[in-house]
Amino acid sequence: MKHLEPHKVLRFWAACQLGKGDYLKLKEQLFGQESVARLYEKVRIYEEKSKDQESK
């Protein structure tokens, strides 16, 4: 799951869990002390790289 786009990880997780487990614990494991701004920046960078690879 490390190589999936963040929104796909969340969709996958939601489909598999359906209310099971502790969301806050999982969120902490996945994102730690990351800020929303930093997560957004990581997503933006990932999307730019993906677009660049598709163009080649």
N, C-alpha and C. Protein backbone atom coordinates (compact mmCIF):
# COMPACT_ATOMS: atom_id res chain seq x y z
N MET A 1 0.81 -1.19 0.00
CA MET A 1 0.00 0.00 0.00
C MET A 1 0.86 1.26 0.00
N LYS A 2 2.14 1.12 0.24
CA LYS A 2 3.01 2.28 0.25
C LYS A 2 3.10 2.94 -1.12
N HIS A 3 2.85 2.19 -2.18
CA HIS A 3 3.03 2.71 -3.51
C HIS A 3 1.73 3.19 -4.15
N LEU A 4 0.63 3.07 -3.46
CA LEU A 4 -0.64 3.57 -3.97
C LEU A 4 -0.77 5.06 -3.70
N GLU A 5 -1.56 5.70 -4.54
CA GLU A 5 -1.87 7.10 -4.30
C GLU A 5 -2.66 7.20 -3.00
N PRO A 6 -2.49 8.29 -2.24
CA PRO A 6 -3.15 8.41 -0.94
C PRO A 6 -4.67 8.19 -0.99
N HIS A 7 -5.35 8.74 -1.98
CA HIS A 7 -6.80 8.56 -2.02
C HIS A 7 -7.18 7.12 -2.31
N LYS A 8 -6.34 6.39 -3.04
CA LYS A 8 -6.62 4.98 -3.31
C LYS A 8 -6.40 4.14 -2.06
N VAL A 9 -5.41 4.50 -1.25
CA VAL A 9 -5.19 3.80 0.01
C VAL A 9 -6.42 3.94 0.90
N LEU A 10 -6.93 5.16 0.99
CA LEU A 10 -8.11 5.38 1.83
C LEU A 10 -9.33 4.65 1.31
N ARG A 11 -9.52 4.63 0.00
CA ARG A 11 -10.65 3.87 -0.57
C ARG A 11 -10.51 2.39 -0.28
N PHE A 12 -9.30 1.85 -0.48
CA PHE A 12 -9.05 0.45 -0.20
C PHE A 12 -9.31 0.13 1.26
N TRP A 13 -8.77 0.98 2.12
CA TRP A 13 -8.94 0.78 3.56
C TRP A 13 -10.42 0.82 3.93
N ALA A 14 -11.14 1.76 3.40
CA ALA A 14 -12.57 1.89 3.71
C ALA A 14 -13.33 0.66 3.24
N ALA A 15 -13.00 0.15 2.06
CA ALA A 15 -13.69 -1.03 1.53
C ALA A 15 -13.41 -2.27 2.37
N CYS A 16 -12.21 -2.39 2.88
CA CYS A 16 -11.84 -3.57 3.66
C CYS A 16 -12.31 -3.51 5.11
N GLN A 17 -12.32 -2.33 5.67
CA GLN A 17 -12.59 -2.21 7.10
C GLN A 17 -14.07 -2.07 7.43
N LEU A 18 -14.76 -1.24 6.71
CA LEU A 18 -16.19 -1.02 6.94
C LEU A 18 -16.54 -0.88 8.42
N GLY A 19 -15.86 0.04 9.08
CA GLY A 19 -16.18 0.33 10.47
C GLY A 19 -15.40 -0.46 11.50
N LYS A 20 -14.54 -1.34 11.07
CA LYS A 20 -13.74 -2.12 12.01
C LYS A 20 -12.50 -1.35 12.41
N GLY A 21 -12.00 -1.63 13.59
CA GLY A 21 -10.72 -1.06 14.01
C GLY A 21 -10.83 0.36 14.52
N ASP A 22 -9.67 0.93 14.75
CA ASP A 22 -9.56 2.27 15.33
C ASP A 22 -8.97 3.21 14.28
N TYR A 23 -9.83 4.02 13.67
CA TYR A 23 -9.40 4.94 12.62
C TYR A 23 -8.29 5.87 13.10
N LEU A 24 -8.42 6.39 14.30
CA LEU A 24 -7.42 7.35 14.79
C LEU A 24 -6.05 6.69 14.94
N LYS A 25 -6.04 5.45 15.38
CA LYS A 25 -4.77 4.73 15.51
C LYS A 25 -4.15 4.49 14.13
N LEU A 26 -4.97 4.07 13.18
CA LEU A 26 -4.47 3.84 11.82
C LEU A 26 -3.98 5.15 11.21
N LYS A 27 -4.74 6.22 11.40
CA LYS A 27 -4.34 7.52 10.87
C LYS A 27 -2.98 7.93 11.43
N GLU A 28 -2.78 7.70 12.69
CA GLU A 28 -1.50 8.03 13.32
C GLU A 28 -0.37 7.19 12.74
N GLN A 29 -0.63 5.90 12.51
CA GLN A 29 0.38 5.03 11.93
C GLN A 29 0.73 5.45 10.51
N LEU A 30 -0.26 5.81 9.72
CA LEU A 30 -0.03 6.16 8.32
C LEU A 30 0.58 7.54 8.15
N PHE A 31 0.10 8.51 8.92
CA PHE A 31 0.46 9.89 8.66
C PHE A 31 1.24 10.56 9.78
N GLY A 32 1.35 9.93 10.94
CA GLY A 32 2.13 10.48 12.04
C GLY A 32 1.81 11.93 12.34
N GLN A 33 2.83 12.72 12.42
CA GLN A 33 2.66 14.13 12.75
C GLN A 33 2.64 15.02 11.49
N GLU A 34 2.36 14.42 10.33
CA GLU A 34 2.30 15.19 9.09
C GLU A 34 1.18 16.24 9.17
N SER A 35 1.46 17.40 8.67
CA SER A 35 0.43 18.43 8.61
C SER A 35 -0.38 18.24 7.33
N VAL A 36 -1.56 18.81 7.30
CA VAL A 36 -2.39 18.76 6.11
C VAL A 36 -1.64 19.40 4.94
N ALA A 37 -0.98 20.50 5.20
CA ALA A 37 -0.24 21.19 4.15
C ALA A 37 0.86 20.30 3.57
N ARG A 38 1.57 19.58 4.42
CA ARG A 38 2.65 18.70 3.95
C ARG A 38 2.08 17.51 3.18
N LEU A 39 0.97 16.94 3.66
CA LEU A 39 0.34 15.84 2.94
C LEU A 39 -0.14 16.31 1.57
N TYR A 40 -0.71 17.50 1.52
CA TYR A 40 -1.16 18.07 0.25
C TYR A 40 0.02 18.22 -0.71
N GLU A 41 1.14 18.71 -0.20
CA GLU A 41 2.33 18.89 -1.03
C GLU A 41 2.82 17.55 -1.56
N LYS A 42 2.81 16.52 -0.74
CA LYS A 42 3.24 15.20 -1.18
C LYS A 42 2.32 14.66 -2.28
N VAL A 43 1.03 14.86 -2.13
CA VAL A 43 0.08 14.43 -3.15
C VAL A 43 0.32 15.19 -4.45
N ARG A 44 0.52 16.49 -4.34
CA ARG A 44 0.75 17.32 -5.53
C ARG A 44 2.02 16.86 -6.27
N ILE A 45 3.09 16.60 -5.53
CA ILE A 45 4.34 16.13 -6.13
C ILE A 45 4.13 14.77 -6.81
N TYR A 46 3.42 13.89 -6.12
CA TYR A 46 3.15 12.56 -6.68
C TYR A 46 2.36 12.66 -7.98
N GLU A 47 1.35 13.52 -7.99
CA GLU A 47 0.53 13.68 -9.19
C GLU A 47 1.34 14.27 -10.33
N GLU A 48 2.21 15.21 -10.04
CA GLU A 48 3.06 15.79 -11.08
C GLU A 48 3.99 14.73 -11.68
N LYS A 49 4.57 13.91 -10.84
CA LYS A 49 5.45 12.84 -11.32
C LYS A 49 4.67 11.85 -12.18
N SER A 50 3.46 11.52 -11.75
CA SER A 50 2.62 10.60 -12.52
C SER A 50 2.29 11.16 -13.89
N LYS A 51 1.97 12.45 -13.93
CA LYS A 51 1.66 13.09 -15.22
C LYS A 51 2.89 13.10 -16.11
N ASP A 52 4.06 13.37 -15.54
CA ASP A 52 5.31 13.39 -16.30
C ASP A 52 5.60 12.00 -16.89
N GLN A 53 5.36 10.95 -16.12
CA GLN A 53 5.62 9.59 -16.59
C GLN A 53 4.63 9.20 -17.68
N GLU A 54 3.39 9.65 -17.57
CA GLU A 54 2.39 9.34 -18.59
C GLU A 54 2.70 10.04 -19.91
N SER A 55 3.35 11.19 -19.83
CA SER A 55 3.69 11.96 -21.02
C SER A 55 4.81 11.32 -21.82
N LYS A 56 5.61 10.50 -21.17
CA LYS A 56 6.78 9.89 -21.84
C LYS A 56 6.40 8.68 -22.66
